[in-house]
């Protein structure tokens, strides 16, 4: 069954991706927002809805090509190519992998640290791939296979995320049915994907793995704060800044706002009135006093009333309440 979504025709995989993502977020206590935003961004760029069509460059302008990037200093190709995909299976496979890895990493690291990590891995994976391609050209004259290769997709970042996720793991993982130590799962997947899926970018996936190893090494040796983390936190604090000037409500307890609704005891009938705003006793109707002091601090002017009069007032009060 084919379904037209935006400028694309889906053969059923995109609705399954949406259903799976919704079910994962619905049943999970933690709902990582950065992972959801990344999945949404990749999907919107692929679908190219008419609302964003003028804002999304065509894929011909963002293919990752080392020769064109270095020749024209094209940052658009360098930064945007990971968010483009050439087909529905390519997008869905990558987004399902992002959903699984993102849930684990963002939940354990926090959204700000996870966002800075993804940005760092994207820059590192693209940079390492660019350096590898240029090095192969200079050392072995590999022009056509790698230096002039066109590639898009989030796979390089996903390989880097896999390295980070399994960097401290001593368990075993299944990689396309093969059991391998988790620390080497990315390398096994690199080889198996290259054998099973023709046409994938070997140099891009390799660059992602090396970027992940480099990130783990830098993270373990550098004790300071990640500059990208500081940037993300600064943007977040800037967006929150206007809300600091909104009026704040008082601290609320079970009996109202603290400091403005203190209870008092009637000296006449010893009834504890909950509301400090009431000027007469809720039980017997005795006035609290014009000076606002509670009867804990002053004597009532009606202390000298006869006992029969007090009983009559209590009966009258109960009659009014009923």
C-alpha atoms as a PDB file:
ATOM      1  CA  UNK A   1       0.000   0.000   0.000  1.00  0.00           C
ATOM      2  CA  UNK A   2       1.333   3.430  -0.976  1.00  0.00           C
ATOM      3  CA  UNK A   3       0.611   6.591   0.990  1.00  0.00           C
ATOM      4  CA  UNK A   4       1.597  10.071  -0.189  1.00  0.00           C
ATOM      5  CA  UNK A   5       3.175  12.119   2.607  1.00  0.00           C
ATOM      6  CA  UNK A   6       4.443  15.546   1.648  1.00  0.00           C
ATOM      7  CA  UNK A   7       6.385  15.166  -1.608  1.00  0.00           C
ATOM      8  CA  UNK A   8       7.159  11.491  -0.943  1.00  0.00           C
ATOM      9  CA  UNK A   9       5.233   8.288  -1.463  1.00  0.00           C
ATOM     10  CA  UNK A  10       5.497   5.956   1.526  1.00  0.00           C
ATOM     11  CA  UNK A  11       5.181   2.209   1.074  1.00  0.00           C
ATOM     12  CA  UNK A  12       4.226   1.652   4.681  1.00  0.00           C
ATOM     13  CA  UNK A  13       7.568   1.964   6.464  1.00  0.00           C
ATOM     14  CA  UNK A  14       7.126   5.573   7.631  1.00  0.00           C
ATOM     15  CA  UNK A  15       3.774   4.880   9.371  1.00  0.00           C
ATOM     16  CA  UNK A  16       5.437   1.919  11.107  1.00  0.00           C
ATOM     17  CA  UNK A  17       8.293   4.197  12.221  1.00  0.00           C
ATOM     18  CA  UNK A  18       5.785   6.709  13.593  1.00  0.00           C
ATOM     19  CA  UNK A  19       3.824   3.986  15.388  1.00  0.00           C
ATOM     20  CA  UNK A  20       6.945   2.437  16.900  1.00  0.00           C
ATOM     21  CA  UNK A  21       8.274   5.826  18.054  1.00  0.00           C
ATOM     22  CA  UNK A  22       4.914   6.756  19.598  1.00  0.00           C
ATOM     23  CA  UNK A  23       4.650   3.440  21.439  1.00  0.00           C
ATOM     24  CA  UNK A  24       8.185   3.748  22.821  1.00  0.00           C
ATOM     25  CA  UNK A  25       7.529   7.236  24.166  1.00  0.00           C
ATOM     26  CA  UNK A  26       4.080   6.325  25.465  1.00  0.00           C
ATOM     27  CA  UNK A  27       5.211   3.370  27.560  1.00  0.00           C
ATOM     28  CA  UNK A  28       8.473   4.901  28.789  1.00  0.00           C
ATOM     29  CA  UNK A  29       8.709   7.015  31.926  1.00  0.00           C
ATOM     30  CA  UNK A  30      11.538   9.040  30.408  1.00  0.00           C
ATOM     31  CA  UNK A  31      10.688  10.883  27.189  1.00  0.00           C
ATOM     32  CA  UNK A  32      13.984  12.244  25.801  1.00  0.00           C
ATOM     33  CA  UNK A  33      13.193  15.423  23.820  1.00  0.00           C
ATOM     34  CA  UNK A  34      16.456  15.720  21.860  1.00  0.00           C
ATOM     35  CA  UNK A  35      16.079  12.227  20.397  1.00  0.00           C
ATOM     36  CA  UNK A  36      12.510  13.033  19.347  1.00  0.00           C
ATOM     37  CA  UNK A  37      13.656  16.323  17.783  1.00  0.00           C
ATOM     38  CA  UNK A  38      16.398  14.585  15.785  1.00  0.00           C
ATOM     39  CA  UNK A  39      13.982  11.960  14.470  1.00  0.00           C
ATOM     40  CA  UNK A  40      11.475  14.667  13.556  1.00  0.00           C
ATOM     41  CA  UNK A  41      14.120  16.793  11.806  1.00  0.00           C
ATOM     42  CA  UNK A  42      15.411  13.894   9.683  1.00  0.00           C
ATOM     43  CA  UNK A  43      11.875  12.838   8.779  1.00  0.00           C
ATOM     44  CA  UNK A  44      10.711  16.355   7.854  1.00  0.00           C
ATOM     45  CA  UNK A  45      13.759  16.899   5.644  1.00  0.00           C
ATOM     46  CA  UNK A  46      13.051  13.612   3.874  1.00  0.00           C
ATOM     47  CA  UNK A  47       9.337  14.294   3.392  1.00  0.00           C
ATOM     48  CA  UNK A  48       9.819  17.950   2.364  1.00  0.00           C
ATOM     49  CA  UNK A  49       6.316  19.179   3.293  1.00  0.00           C
ATOM     50  CA  UNK A  50       5.165  22.239   1.379  1.00  0.00           C
ATOM     51  CA  UNK A  51       5.289  24.369   4.534  1.00  0.00           C
ATOM     52  CA  UNK A  52       9.089  23.903   4.789  1.00  0.00           C
ATOM     53  CA  UNK A  53       9.908  23.284   1.135  1.00  0.00           C
ATOM     54  CA  UNK A  54      11.446  26.716   0.591  1.00  0.00           C
ATOM     55  CA  UNK A  55      13.654  26.310   3.690  1.00  0.00           C
ATOM     56  CA  UNK A  56      15.052  22.861   2.870  1.00  0.00           C
ATOM     57  CA  UNK A  57      17.838  22.823   0.256  1.00  0.00           C
ATOM     58  CA  UNK A  58      17.578  20.100  -2.416  1.00  0.00           C
ATOM     59  CA  UNK A  59      19.720  17.036  -1.904  1.00  0.00           C
ATOM     60  CA  UNK A  60      21.906  17.976  -4.889  1.00  0.00           C
ATOM     61  CA  UNK A  61      23.236  20.924  -2.865  1.00  0.00           C
ATOM     62  CA  UNK A  62      24.094  18.962   0.275  1.00  0.00           C
ATOM     63  CA  UNK A  63      25.669  15.698  -0.892  1.00  0.00           C
ATOM     64  CA  UNK A  64      28.817  15.047   1.159  1.00  0.00           C
ATOM     65  CA  UNK A  65      31.612  15.234  -1.410  1.00  0.00           C
ATOM     66  CA  UNK A  66      35.156  15.805  -0.076  1.00  0.00           C
ATOM     67  CA  UNK A  67      36.361  17.342  -3.330  1.00  0.00           C
ATOM     68  CA  UNK A  68      33.570  19.938  -3.484  1.00  0.00           C
ATOM     69  CA  UNK A  69      33.734  20.707   0.239  1.00  0.00           C
ATOM     70  CA  UNK A  70      37.469  21.462   0.140  1.00  0.00           C
ATOM     71  CA  UNK A  71      37.381  23.198  -3.213  1.00  0.00           C
ATOM     72  CA  UNK A  72      34.501  25.579  -2.389  1.00  0.00           C
ATOM     73  CA  UNK A  73      34.782  25.509   1.429  1.00  0.00           C
ATOM     74  CA  UNK A  74      31.160  24.355   1.370  1.00  0.00           C
ATOM     75  CA  UNK A  75      29.958  24.211   4.980  1.00  0.00           C
ATOM     76  CA  UNK A  76      26.416  23.445   3.850  1.00  0.00           C
ATOM     77  CA  UNK A  77      27.489  20.069   2.511  1.00  0.00           C
ATOM     78  CA  UNK A  78      29.664  19.491   5.569  1.00  0.00           C
ATOM     79  CA  UNK A  79      26.927  20.196   8.143  1.00  0.00           C
ATOM     80  CA  UNK A  80      23.628  19.251   6.478  1.00  0.00           C
ATOM     81  CA  UNK A  81      24.419  16.017   4.623  1.00  0.00           C
ATOM     82  CA  UNK A  82      23.865  13.784   7.708  1.00  0.00           C
ATOM     83  CA  UNK A  83      20.207  14.854   7.884  1.00  0.00           C
ATOM     84  CA  UNK A  84      19.357  13.736   4.319  1.00  0.00           C
ATOM     85  CA  UNK A  85      18.442  10.206   3.207  1.00  0.00           C
ATOM     86  CA  UNK A  86      18.065   8.762  -0.258  1.00  0.00           C
ATOM     87  CA  UNK A  87      15.109   6.449   0.390  1.00  0.00           C
ATOM     88  CA  UNK A  88      12.488   5.284   2.843  1.00  0.00           C
ATOM     89  CA  UNK A  89      14.384   2.153   4.011  1.00  0.00           C
ATOM     90  CA  UNK A  90      17.524   4.259   4.515  1.00  0.00           C
ATOM     91  CA  UNK A  91      15.651   6.765   6.689  1.00  0.00           C
ATOM     92  CA  UNK A  92      13.633   4.227   8.693  1.00  0.00           C
ATOM     93  CA  UNK A  93      16.613   1.991   9.469  1.00  0.00           C
ATOM     94  CA  UNK A  94      18.664   4.955  10.687  1.00  0.00           C
ATOM     95  CA  UNK A  95      15.829   6.451  12.731  1.00  0.00           C
ATOM     96  CA  UNK A  96      15.057   3.165  14.476  1.00  0.00           C
ATOM     97  CA  UNK A  97      18.739   2.906  15.361  1.00  0.00           C
ATOM     98  CA  UNK A  98      18.698   6.522  16.583  1.00  0.00           C
ATOM     99  CA  UNK A  99      15.592   5.830  18.664  1.00  0.00           C
ATOM    100  CA  UNK A 100      17.233   2.901  20.463  1.00  0.00           C
ATOM    101  CA  UNK A 101      20.622   4.574  21.020  1.00  0.00           C
ATOM    102  CA  UNK A 102      19.140   7.974  21.825  1.00  0.00           C
ATOM    103  CA  UNK A 103      16.837   6.605  24.509  1.00  0.00           C
ATOM    104  CA  UNK A 104      19.728   4.988  26.364  1.00  0.00           C
ATOM    105  CA  UNK A 105      22.250   7.789  26.005  1.00  0.00           C
ATOM    106  CA  UNK A 106      19.966  10.763  26.615  1.00  0.00           C
ATOM    107  CA  UNK A 107      18.330   9.112  29.623  1.00  0.00           C
ATOM    108  CA  UNK A 108      21.696   8.433  31.247  1.00  0.00           C
ATOM    109  CA  UNK A 109      23.451  11.690  30.241  1.00  0.00           C
ATOM    110  CA  UNK A 110      20.691  14.264  30.339  1.00  0.00           C
ATOM    111  CA  UNK A 111      19.315  16.207  27.382  1.00  0.00           C
ATOM    112  CA  UNK A 112      21.874  19.046  27.385  1.00  0.00           C
ATOM    113  CA  UNK A 113      24.894  16.750  27.542  1.00  0.00           C
ATOM    114  CA  UNK A 114      23.347  14.447  24.948  1.00  0.00           C
ATOM    115  CA  UNK A 115      22.698  17.346  22.554  1.00  0.00           C
ATOM    116  CA  UNK A 116      26.271  18.565  22.909  1.00  0.00           C
ATOM    117  CA  UNK A 117      27.563  15.018  22.368  1.00  0.00           C
ATOM    118  CA  UNK A 118      25.550  14.591  19.156  1.00  0.00           C
ATOM    119  CA  UNK A 119      26.813  17.939  17.860  1.00  0.00           C
ATOM    120  CA  UNK A 120      30.392  16.963  18.707  1.00  0.00           C
ATOM    121  CA  UNK A 121      30.066  13.543  17.068  1.00  0.00           C
ATOM    122  CA  UNK A 122      28.549  15.067  13.939  1.00  0.00           C
ATOM    123  CA  UNK A 123      31.447  17.511  13.545  1.00  0.00           C
ATOM    124  CA  UNK A 124      34.044  14.869  14.381  1.00  0.00           C
ATOM    125  CA  UNK A 125      32.625  12.194  12.076  1.00  0.00           C
ATOM    126  CA  UNK A 126      32.371  14.608   9.149  1.00  0.00           C
ATOM    127  CA  UNK A 127      35.851  15.952   9.829  1.00  0.00           C
ATOM    128  CA  UNK A 128      37.461  12.527  10.170  1.00  0.00           C
ATOM    129  CA  UNK A 129      35.784  11.335   6.952  1.00  0.00           C
ATOM    130  CA  UNK A 130      37.074  14.417   5.150  1.00  0.00           C
ATOM    131  CA  UNK A 131      40.626  13.853   6.417  1.00  0.00           C
ATOM    132  CA  UNK A 132      40.534  10.144   5.511  1.00  0.00           C
ATOM    133  CA  UNK A 133      39.352  10.877   1.981  1.00  0.00           C
ATOM    134  CA  UNK A 134      42.021  13.516   1.416  1.00  0.00           C
ATOM    135  CA  UNK A 135      44.713  11.282   2.917  1.00  0.00           C
ATOM    136  CA  UNK A 136      43.818   8.366   0.640  1.00  0.00           C
ATOM    137  CA  UNK A 137      44.060  10.709  -2.325  1.00  0.00           C
ATOM    138  CA  UNK A 138      47.483  12.025  -1.350  1.00  0.00           C
ATOM    139  CA  UNK A 139      49.000   8.713  -0.245  1.00  0.00           C
ATOM    140  CA  UNK A 140      47.445   6.192  -2.647  1.00  0.00           C
ATOM    141  CA  UNK A 141      45.915   8.365  -5.356  1.00  0.00           C
ATOM    142  CA  UNK A 142      42.413   7.046  -4.522  1.00  0.00           C
ATOM    143  CA  UNK A 143      40.440   9.627  -6.392  1.00  0.00           C
ATOM    144  CA  UNK A 144      37.200   8.083  -7.597  1.00  0.00           C
ATOM    145  CA  UNK A 145      36.379   5.607  -4.770  1.00  0.00           C
ATOM    146  CA  UNK A 146      36.462   8.060  -1.865  1.00  0.00           C
ATOM    147  CA  UNK A 147      37.532  11.620  -2.680  1.00  0.00           C
ATOM    148  CA  UNK A 148      34.806  12.143  -5.281  1.00  0.00           C
ATOM    149  CA  UNK A 149      32.223   9.966  -3.548  1.00  0.00           C
ATOM    150  CA  UNK A 150      28.735  11.351  -2.862  1.00  0.00           C
ATOM    151  CA  UNK A 151      27.085  10.332   0.415  1.00  0.00           C
ATOM    152  CA  UNK A 152      24.285  11.369   2.775  1.00  0.00           C
ATOM    153  CA  UNK A 153      22.734   9.931   5.923  1.00  0.00           C
ATOM    154  CA  UNK A 154      22.962   9.868   9.709  1.00  0.00           C
ATOM    155  CA  UNK A 155      24.889   6.581   9.740  1.00  0.00           C
ATOM    156  CA  UNK A 156      28.252   8.105  10.579  1.00  0.00           C
ATOM    157  CA  UNK A 157      26.853   9.768  13.712  1.00  0.00           C
ATOM    158  CA  UNK A 158      25.065   6.540  14.653  1.00  0.00           C
ATOM    159  CA  UNK A 159      28.290   4.525  14.415  1.00  0.00           C
ATOM    160  CA  UNK A 160      29.957   7.103  16.667  1.00  0.00           C
ATOM    161  CA  UNK A 161      27.060   6.894  19.151  1.00  0.00           C
ATOM    162  CA  UNK A 162      27.402   3.101  19.163  1.00  0.00           C
ATOM    163  CA  UNK A 163      31.054   3.411  20.127  1.00  0.00           C
ATOM    164  CA  UNK A 164      30.218   5.813  22.968  1.00  0.00           C
ATOM    165  CA  UNK A 165      27.356   3.611  24.176  1.00  0.00           C
ATOM    166  CA  UNK A 166      29.499   0.466  24.317  1.00  0.00           C
ATOM    167  CA  UNK A 167      32.794   2.067  25.378  1.00  0.00           C
ATOM    168  CA  UNK A 168      32.532   0.876  28.992  1.00  0.00           C
ATOM    169  CA  UNK A 169      30.507  -2.273  28.386  1.00  0.00           C
ATOM    170  CA  UNK A 170      31.792  -5.766  29.114  1.00  0.00           C
ATOM    171  CA  UNK A 171      28.688  -7.536  27.782  1.00  0.00           C
ATOM    172  CA  UNK A 172      28.018  -9.155  24.424  1.00  0.00           C
ATOM    173  CA  UNK A 173      25.822  -7.873  21.621  1.00  0.00           C
ATOM    174  CA  UNK A 174      23.998  -9.341  18.637  1.00  0.00           C
ATOM    175  CA  UNK A 175      25.101  -7.781  15.357  1.00  0.00           C
ATOM    176  CA  UNK A 176      22.897  -9.119  12.566  1.00  0.00           C
ATOM    177  CA  UNK A 177      22.731 -12.490  14.311  1.00  0.00           C
ATOM    178  CA  UNK A 178      26.426 -12.635  15.247  1.00  0.00           C
ATOM    179  CA  UNK A 179      27.443 -12.509  18.936  1.00  0.00           C
ATOM    180  CA  UNK A 180      30.401 -10.194  19.533  1.00  0.00           C
ATOM    181  CA  UNK A 181      31.767  -8.280  22.549  1.00  0.00           C
ATOM    182  CA  UNK A 182      29.875  -5.006  22.818  1.00  0.00           C
ATOM    183  CA  UNK A 183      33.061  -2.943  22.704  1.00  0.00           C
ATOM    184  CA  UNK A 184      33.737  -4.290  19.196  1.00  0.00           C
ATOM    185  CA  UNK A 185      30.140  -4.302  17.976  1.00  0.00           C
ATOM    186  CA  UNK A 186      30.651  -1.190  15.826  1.00  0.00           C
ATOM    187  CA  UNK A 187      33.572  -2.796  13.990  1.00  0.00           C
ATOM    188  CA  UNK A 188      31.614  -5.993  13.370  1.00  0.00           C
ATOM    189  CA  UNK A 189      28.640  -3.998  12.087  1.00  0.00           C
ATOM    190  CA  UNK A 190      30.935  -2.004   9.798  1.00  0.00           C
ATOM    191  CA  UNK A 191      32.156  -5.176   8.088  1.00  0.00           C
ATOM    192  CA  UNK A 192      28.774  -6.928   7.959  1.00  0.00           C
ATOM    193  CA  UNK A 193      26.932  -3.909   6.580  1.00  0.00           C
ATOM    194  CA  UNK A 194      29.600  -3.483   3.933  1.00  0.00           C
ATOM    195  CA  UNK A 195      29.164  -7.129   2.890  1.00  0.00           C
ATOM    196  CA  UNK A 196      25.356  -7.287   3.066  1.00  0.00           C
ATOM    197  CA  UNK A 197      24.367  -3.837   1.797  1.00  0.00           C
ATOM    198  CA  UNK A 198      26.125  -2.813  -1.406  1.00  0.00           C
ATOM    199  CA  UNK A 199      26.618   0.861  -2.124  1.00  0.00           C
ATOM    200  CA  UNK A 200      26.957   2.086   1.485  1.00  0.00           C
ATOM    201  CA  UNK A 201      29.719   4.544   2.351  1.00  0.00           C
ATOM    202  CA  UNK A 202      32.509   2.550   3.970  1.00  0.00           C
ATOM    203  CA  UNK A 203      34.625   5.643   4.545  1.00  0.00           C
ATOM    204  CA  UNK A 204      31.674   7.457   6.166  1.00  0.00           C
ATOM    205  CA  UNK A 205      30.955   4.611   8.576  1.00  0.00           C
ATOM    206  CA  UNK A 206      34.656   4.222   9.378  1.00  0.00           C
ATOM    207  CA  UNK A 207      34.872   7.937  10.032  1.00  0.00           C
ATOM    208  CA  UNK A 208      31.988   7.614  12.495  1.00  0.00           C
ATOM    209  CA  UNK A 209      33.717   4.833  14.442  1.00  0.00           C
ATOM    210  CA  UNK A 210      36.993   6.770  14.613  1.00  0.00           C
ATOM    211  CA  UNK A 211      35.067   9.889  15.677  1.00  0.00           C
ATOM    212  CA  UNK A 212      33.442   7.926  18.504  1.00  0.00           C
ATOM    213  CA  UNK A 213      36.807   6.617  19.691  1.00  0.00           C
ATOM    214  CA  UNK A 214      38.267  10.116  19.536  1.00  0.00           C
ATOM    215  CA  UNK A 215      35.327  11.539  21.500  1.00  0.00           C
ATOM    216  CA  UNK A 216      35.678   8.898  24.240  1.00  0.00           C
ATOM    217  CA  UNK A 217      39.416   9.557  24.437  1.00  0.00           C
ATOM    218  CA  UNK A 218      38.951  13.321  24.713  1.00  0.00           C
ATOM    219  CA  UNK A 219      36.164  12.938  27.256  1.00  0.00           C
ATOM    220  CA  UNK A 220      38.329  10.738  29.481  1.00  0.00           C
ATOM    221  CA  UNK A 221      41.386  13.010  29.316  1.00  0.00           C
ATOM    222  CA  UNK A 222      39.719  16.436  29.428  1.00  0.00           C
ATOM    223  CA  UNK A 223      38.386  17.340  32.861  1.00  0.00           C
ATOM    224  CA  UNK A 224      36.791  20.659  31.930  1.00  0.00           C
ATOM    225  CA  UNK A 225      33.289  21.299  30.668  1.00  0.00           C
ATOM    226  CA  UNK A 226      32.476  20.533  27.068  1.00  0.00           C
ATOM    227  CA  UNK A 227      32.399  23.884  25.183  1.00  0.00           C
ATOM    228  CA  UNK A 228      29.376  22.758  23.204  1.00  0.00           C
ATOM    229  CA  UNK A 229      27.643  21.808  26.460  1.00  0.00           C
ATOM    230  CA  UNK A 230      28.307  25.303  27.778  1.00  0.00           C
ATOM    231  CA  UNK A 231      26.899  26.756  24.547  1.00  0.00           C
ATOM    232  CA  UNK A 232      23.733  24.652  24.748  1.00  0.00           C
ATOM    233  CA  UNK A 233      23.286  25.497  28.430  1.00  0.00           C
ATOM    234  CA  UNK A 234      23.806  29.190  27.661  1.00  0.00           C
ATOM    235  CA  UNK A 235      21.115  29.135  24.986  1.00  0.00           C
ATOM    236  CA  UNK A 236      18.756  27.337  27.374  1.00  0.00           C
ATOM    237  CA  UNK A 237      19.401  29.878  30.146  1.00  0.00           C
ATOM    238  CA  UNK A 238      18.845  32.723  27.689  1.00  0.00           C
ATOM    239  CA  UNK A 239      15.474  31.314  26.661  1.00  0.00           C
ATOM    240  CA  UNK A 240      14.482  30.932  30.315  1.00  0.00           C
ATOM    241  CA  UNK A 241      15.635  34.458  31.250  1.00  0.00           C
ATOM    242  CA  UNK A 242      12.355  36.336  30.456  1.00  0.00           C
ATOM    243  CA  UNK A 243      10.391  33.979  32.709  1.00  0.00           C
ATOM    244  CA  UNK A 244      12.358  35.177  35.750  1.00  0.00           C
ATOM    245  CA  UNK A 245      10.399  38.432  35.702  1.00  0.00           C
ATOM    246  CA  UNK A 246       6.973  36.813  35.858  1.00  0.00           C
ATOM    247  CA  UNK A 247       5.171  37.281  39.207  1.00  0.00           C
ATOM    248  CA  UNK A 248       5.521  34.329  41.519  1.00  0.00           C
ATOM    249  CA  UNK A 249       2.801  32.953  43.717  1.00  0.00           C
ATOM    250  CA  UNK A 250       3.335  32.566  47.437  1.00  0.00           C
ATOM    251  CA  UNK A 251       4.347  29.274  48.977  1.00  0.00           C
ATOM    252  CA  UNK A 252       1.209  27.186  49.388  1.00  0.00           C
ATOM    253  CA  UNK A 253       0.416  24.786  52.212  1.00  0.00           C
ATOM    254  CA  UNK A 254      -2.677  22.850  53.104  1.00  0.00           C
ATOM    255  CA  UNK A 255      -4.249  25.935  54.676  1.00  0.00           C
ATOM    256  CA  UNK A 256      -3.497  28.584  52.064  1.00  0.00           C
ATOM    257  CA  UNK A 257      -0.709  31.033  51.388  1.00  0.00           C
ATOM    258  CA  UNK A 258       1.811  31.141  54.204  1.00  0.00           C
ATOM    259  CA  UNK A 259       1.810  34.347  56.251  1.00  0.00           C
ATOM    260  CA  UNK A 260      -1.630  35.614  55.147  1.00  0.00           C
ATOM    261  CA  UNK A 261      -4.101  33.033  56.424  1.00  0.00           C
ATOM    262  CA  UNK A 262      -3.102  32.114  59.990  1.00  0.00           C
ATOM    263  CA  UNK A 263      -5.784  30.462  62.129  1.00  0.00           C
ATOM    264  CA  UNK A 264      -6.906  31.742  65.538  1.00  0.00           C
ATOM    265  CA  UNK A 265      -8.723  30.422  68.607  1.00  0.00           C
ATOM    266  CA  UNK A 266     -11.873  31.990  69.935  1.00  0.00           C
ATOM    267  CA  UNK A 267     -11.402  32.907  73.589  1.00  0.00           C
ATOM    268  CA  UNK A 268     -15.131  32.610  74.235  1.00  0.00           C
ATOM    269  CA  UNK A 269     -15.863  29.088  72.999  1.00  0.00           C
ATOM    270  CA  UNK A 270     -12.249  27.885  72.409  1.00  0.00           C
ATOM    271  CA  UNK A 271     -13.097  26.946  68.782  1.00  0.00           C
ATOM    272  CA  UNK A 272     -10.058  26.899  66.412  1.00  0.00           C
ATOM    273  CA  UNK A 273     -10.952  28.960  63.336  1.00  0.00           C
ATOM    274  CA  UNK A 274      -9.020  27.887  60.225  1.00  0.00           C
ATOM    275  CA  UNK A 275      -9.210  31.170  58.314  1.00  0.00           C
ATOM    276  CA  UNK A 276      -7.244  34.149  59.573  1.00  0.00           C
ATOM    277  CA  UNK A 277      -9.326  36.395  57.304  1.00  0.00           C
ATOM    278  CA  UNK A 278     -12.537  35.740  59.257  1.00  0.00           C
ATOM    279  CA  UNK A 279     -13.327  38.504  61.809  1.00  0.00           C
ATOM    280  CA  UNK A 280     -15.918  36.550  63.786  1.00  0.00           C
ATOM    281  CA  UNK A 281     -15.826  33.093  65.282  1.00  0.00           C
ATOM    282  CA  UNK A 282     -17.269  30.464  62.982  1.00  0.00           C
ATOM    283  CA  UNK A 283     -18.765  28.604  65.944  1.00  0.00           C
ATOM    284  CA  UNK A 284     -20.260  31.203  68.288  1.00  0.00           C
ATOM    285  CA  UNK A 285     -20.155  34.427  66.266  1.00  0.00           C
ATOM    286  CA  UNK A 286     -17.958  36.279  68.745  1.00  0.00           C
ATOM    287  CA  UNK A 287     -15.955  39.130  67.228  1.00  0.00           C
ATOM    288  CA  UNK A 288     -12.225  38.504  66.921  1.00  0.00           C
ATOM    289  CA  UNK A 289     -11.231  42.079  67.763  1.00  0.00           C
ATOM    290  CA  UNK A 290     -10.521  45.242  65.806  1.00  0.00           C
ATOM    291  CA  UNK A 291      -6.756  45.157  66.325  1.00  0.00           C
ATOM    292  CA  UNK A 292      -6.370  41.900  64.361  1.00  0.00           C
ATOM    293  CA  UNK A 293      -4.669  40.009  67.194  1.00  0.00           C
ATOM    294  CA  UNK A 294      -5.672  36.419  67.734  1.00  0.00           C
ATOM    295  CA  UNK A 295      -7.332  35.387  70.940  1.00  0.00           C
ATOM    296  CA  UNK A 296      -4.111  33.609  71.882  1.00  0.00           C
ATOM    297  CA  UNK A 297      -2.696  37.075  72.506  1.00  0.00           C
ATOM    298  CA  UNK A 298      -5.629  39.023  74.013  1.00  0.00           C
ATOM    299  CA  UNK A 299      -8.776  38.416  76.059  1.00  0.00           C
ATOM    300  CA  UNK A 300     -12.166  38.721  74.463  1.00  0.00           C
ATOM    301  CA  UNK A 301     -14.395  41.565  75.510  1.00  0.00           C
ATOM    302  CA  UNK A 302     -17.195  39.043  76.093  1.00  0.00           C
ATOM    303  CA  UNK A 303     -15.446  36.974  78.750  1.00  0.00           C
ATOM    304  CA  UNK A 304     -17.935  38.167  81.341  1.00  0.00           C
ATOM    305  CA  UNK A 305     -21.062  36.831  79.558  1.00  0.00           C
ATOM    306  CA  UNK A 306     -23.234  34.450  81.570  1.00  0.00           C
ATOM    307  CA  UNK A 307     -22.995  30.764  80.741  1.00  0.00           C
ATOM    308  CA  UNK A 308     -26.633  30.653  79.552  1.00  0.00           C
ATOM    309  CA  UNK A 309     -25.958  33.453  77.092  1.00  0.00           C
ATOM    310  CA  UNK A 310     -22.957  31.602  75.653  1.00  0.00           C
ATOM    311  CA  UNK A 311     -25.022  28.431  75.223  1.00  0.00           C
ATOM    312  CA  UNK A 312     -27.778  30.405  73.501  1.00  0.00           C
ATOM    313  CA  UNK A 313     -25.286  31.916  71.071  1.00  0.00           C
ATOM    314  CA  UNK A 314     -23.828  28.489  70.256  1.00  0.00           C
ATOM    315  CA  UNK A 315     -27.315  27.121  69.534  1.00  0.00           C
ATOM    316  CA  UNK A 316     -28.076  30.119  67.319  1.00  0.00           C
ATOM    317  CA  UNK A 317     -24.796  29.558  65.439  1.00  0.00           C
ATOM    318  CA  UNK A 318     -25.519  25.872  64.841  1.00  0.00           C
ATOM    319  CA  UNK A 319     -29.023  26.818  63.631  1.00  0.00           C
ATOM    320  CA  UNK A 320     -27.555  29.231  61.038  1.00  0.00           C
ATOM    321  CA  UNK A 321     -25.018  26.655  59.852  1.00  0.00           C
ATOM    322  CA  UNK A 322     -27.718  24.000  59.372  1.00  0.00           C
END
